[in-house]
Amino acid sequence: MPWLSAAEPGAVCPRGLVGMPPPVAAAGEALTDSTRAAILAAVDRANAAWTAAQQSANPGDLSAGLTGQELSDDTTQITQLRSAGQSRKDVNTAFTVLDVSLVSDTEATVHTTETWSDEVDNARTGAFIRADPATTYADTYTVDLVGEQWIVSNSAVQ
């Protein structure tokens, strides 16, 4: 998500940004602007994958942005949604990056505050079932460097 506007802690980030080439931090390297942008791009891809999977009720859409435990957990949730014959249209109305930090050369942590609402529909007919009001969450993402790309491996919502 090249969130060039999100270079500072607390900046509000727009949605739907395109990915950037993933720079790799060398051993002991401080968090650079380009590495920060690549890590935030991973969070954007994760949210885009989650949103697409909820709307399609297809857990296969998750692999575009998730790995590890988060991929497993979210696959279970999407499978349950599909089993219930439902889909969701998620809308993110606010997204604030609180901080980004490198834990190691291959792991980063991102803290955010996010506001989401959704509409639940019948997956087969598209008929409206209900609208869930906007809710604000504090989220902590674990982002891992896999190969040469950062990808979300865990998301802990408070």
Protein backbone atom coordinates (compact mmCIF):
# COMPACT_ATOMS: atom_id res chain seq x y z
CA MET A 1 0.00 0.00 0.00
CA PRO A 2 2.37 2.72 -0.79
CA TRP A 3 1.16 4.82 2.05
CA LEU A 4 3.53 7.64 1.61
CA SER A 5 1.12 9.70 3.70
CA ALA A 6 1.53 7.14 6.51
CA ALA A 7 5.23 7.77 7.01
CA GLU A 8 4.54 9.34 10.39
CA PRO A 9 2.98 7.58 13.40
CA GLY A 10 -0.69 8.45 13.75
CA ALA A 11 -1.14 9.30 10.07
CA VAL A 12 -4.49 8.31 8.60
CA CYS A 13 -4.03 5.85 5.75
CA PRO A 14 -6.28 5.64 2.69
CA ARG A 15 -7.42 2.20 1.51
CA GLY A 16 -6.80 0.45 -1.77
CA LEU A 17 -3.19 1.40 -2.37
CA VAL A 18 -1.08 -0.70 -4.69
CA GLY A 19 1.89 -2.73 -3.50
CA MET A 20 5.46 -1.60 -3.75
CA PRO A 21 8.59 -3.64 -4.42
CA PRO A 22 9.51 -5.20 -1.07
CA PRO A 23 12.84 -3.86 0.14
CA VAL A 24 14.74 -6.14 2.48
CA ALA A 25 16.29 -4.84 5.68
CA ALA A 26 19.88 -5.98 6.13
CA ALA A 27 20.94 -7.49 9.46
CA GLY A 28 20.90 -4.79 12.12
CA GLU A 29 19.43 -2.18 9.77
CA ALA A 30 17.05 0.38 11.23
CA LEU A 31 13.53 0.66 9.88
CA THR A 32 13.84 2.67 6.67
CA ASP A 33 11.02 4.53 4.96
CA SER A 34 10.99 1.98 2.14
CA THR A 35 10.90 -1.00 4.53
CA ARG A 36 8.14 0.69 6.52
CA ALA A 37 6.16 1.23 3.31
CA ALA A 38 6.61 -2.44 2.32
CA ILE A 39 5.45 -3.61 5.76
CA LEU A 40 2.38 -1.37 5.58
CA ALA A 41 1.73 -2.66 2.05
CA ALA A 42 1.54 -6.16 3.56
CA VAL A 43 -1.12 -4.98 6.02
CA ASP A 44 -3.08 -3.45 3.15
CA ARG A 45 -2.86 -6.70 1.14
CA ALA A 46 -4.05 -8.65 4.19
CA ASN A 47 -7.06 -6.40 4.64
CA ALA A 48 -7.83 -6.50 0.91
CA ALA A 49 -7.63 -10.32 0.93
CA TRP A 50 -9.86 -10.52 4.02
CA THR A 51 -12.41 -8.15 2.45
CA ALA A 52 -12.43 -10.09 -0.84
CA ALA A 53 -12.78 -13.44 0.92
CA GLN A 54 -15.67 -12.18 3.07
CA GLN A 55 -17.49 -10.86 0.01
CA SER A 56 -16.91 -13.96 -2.13
CA ALA A 57 -17.21 -16.40 0.81
CA ASN A 58 -14.16 -18.05 -0.77
CA PRO A 59 -11.29 -18.80 1.61
CA GLY A 60 -8.98 -19.16 -1.41
CA ASP A 61 -8.95 -15.36 -1.69
CA LEU A 62 -7.03 -15.15 1.62
CA SER A 63 -3.73 -16.53 0.32
CA ALA A 64 -3.10 -13.28 -1.56
CA GLY A 65 -2.40 -11.48 1.70
CA LEU A 66 -1.99 -13.91 4.58
CA THR A 67 0.23 -16.73 5.77
CA GLY A 68 0.71 -18.87 8.86
CA GLN A 69 -1.73 -18.81 11.76
CA GLU A 70 -3.69 -15.86 10.37
CA LEU A 71 -4.32 -17.69 7.10
CA SER A 72 -5.49 -20.75 9.04
CA ASP A 73 -7.74 -18.79 11.41
CA ASP A 74 -9.30 -16.67 8.68
CA THR A 75 -9.84 -19.71 6.42
CA THR A 76 -11.88 -21.26 9.23
CA GLN A 77 -13.94 -18.08 9.63
CA ILE A 78 -14.65 -17.78 5.89
CA THR A 79 -15.56 -21.48 5.69
CA GLN A 80 -18.06 -20.95 8.53
CA LEU A 81 -19.49 -17.89 6.78
CA ARG A 82 -19.93 -19.89 3.57
CA SER A 83 -21.48 -22.81 5.48
CA ALA A 84 -24.06 -20.38 6.85
CA GLY A 85 -24.86 -19.30 3.27
CA GLN A 86 -23.69 -15.76 3.92
CA SER A 87 -21.24 -13.22 2.56
CA ARG A 88 -20.09 -9.89 3.98
CA LYS A 89 -19.27 -6.57 2.42
CA ASP A 90 -16.73 -4.98 4.74
CA VAL A 91 -16.17 -1.23 4.68
CA ASN A 92 -13.18 0.38 6.34
CA THR A 93 -13.96 3.98 7.25
CA ALA A 94 -10.86 4.86 9.27
CA PHE A 95 -7.38 3.39 9.47
CA THR A 96 -4.66 4.91 11.62
CA VAL A 97 -1.16 3.50 11.90
CA LEU A 98 0.05 4.02 15.46
CA ASP A 99 3.52 2.52 14.99
CA VAL A 100 5.63 0.15 12.95
CA SER A 101 8.63 -1.60 14.46
CA LEU A 102 11.14 -4.24 13.39
CA VAL A 103 11.30 -7.15 15.82
CA SER A 104 14.04 -8.80 13.75
CA ASP A 105 15.32 -8.71 10.19
CA THR A 106 12.36 -10.88 9.15
CA GLU A 107 9.56 -9.84 11.53
CA ALA A 108 7.77 -6.57 12.15
CA THR A 109 4.89 -5.41 14.32
CA VAL A 110 2.26 -2.87 13.25
CA HIS A 111 -0.22 -1.31 15.68
CA THR A 112 -3.32 0.29 14.20
CA THR A 113 -6.70 1.67 15.09
CA GLU A 114 -9.32 0.67 12.51
CA THR A 115 -13.03 1.32 12.08
CA TRP A 116 -15.03 -1.24 10.10
CA SER A 117 -18.70 -1.82 9.31
CA ASP A 118 -20.22 -4.58 7.24
CA GLU A 119 -23.32 -5.71 5.47
CA VAL A 120 -24.27 -9.37 5.71
CA ASP A 121 -26.00 -10.82 2.65
CA ASN A 122 -27.35 -14.15 1.46
CA ALA A 123 -24.41 -15.58 -0.52
CA ARG A 124 -26.64 -17.28 -3.10
CA THR A 125 -29.23 -14.57 -3.79
CA GLY A 126 -27.38 -11.46 -2.62
CA ALA A 127 -30.41 -10.53 -0.50
CA PHE A 128 -29.68 -8.20 2.39
CA ILE A 129 -29.71 -9.88 5.84
CA ARG A 130 -28.40 -7.16 8.16
CA ALA A 131 -26.02 -4.24 8.53
CA ASP A 132 -23.52 -4.25 11.38
CA PRO A 133 -22.65 -0.78 12.70
CA ALA A 134 -19.19 0.69 12.47
CA THR A 135 -16.90 -0.59 15.22
CA THR A 136 -13.41 0.65 16.07
CA TYR A 137 -10.70 -1.90 16.85
CA ALA A 138 -7.12 -1.76 18.07
CA ASP A 139 -5.16 -4.26 15.98
CA THR A 140 -1.65 -5.62 16.25
CA TYR A 141 -0.28 -7.21 13.10
CA THR A 142 2.69 -9.53 12.94
CA VAL A 143 4.28 -9.17 9.53
CA ASP A 144 6.93 -11.64 8.34
CA LEU A 145 9.43 -11.36 5.53
CA VAL A 146 8.86 -14.48 3.41
CA GLY A 147 11.28 -14.69 0.52
CA GLU A 148 11.45 -11.07 -0.54
CA GLN A 149 7.94 -10.00 0.41
CA TRP A 150 6.42 -8.93 3.71
CA ILE A 151 3.18 -10.78 4.55
CA VAL A 152 0.83 -10.78 7.56
CA SER A 153 1.08 -13.95 9.67
CA ASN A 154 -1.02 -12.87 12.65
CA SER A 155 -3.54 -10.23 13.62
CA ALA A 156 -4.59 -9.71 17.23
CA VAL A 157 -7.69 -7.55 17.58
CA GLN A 158 -8.42 -5.95 20.92
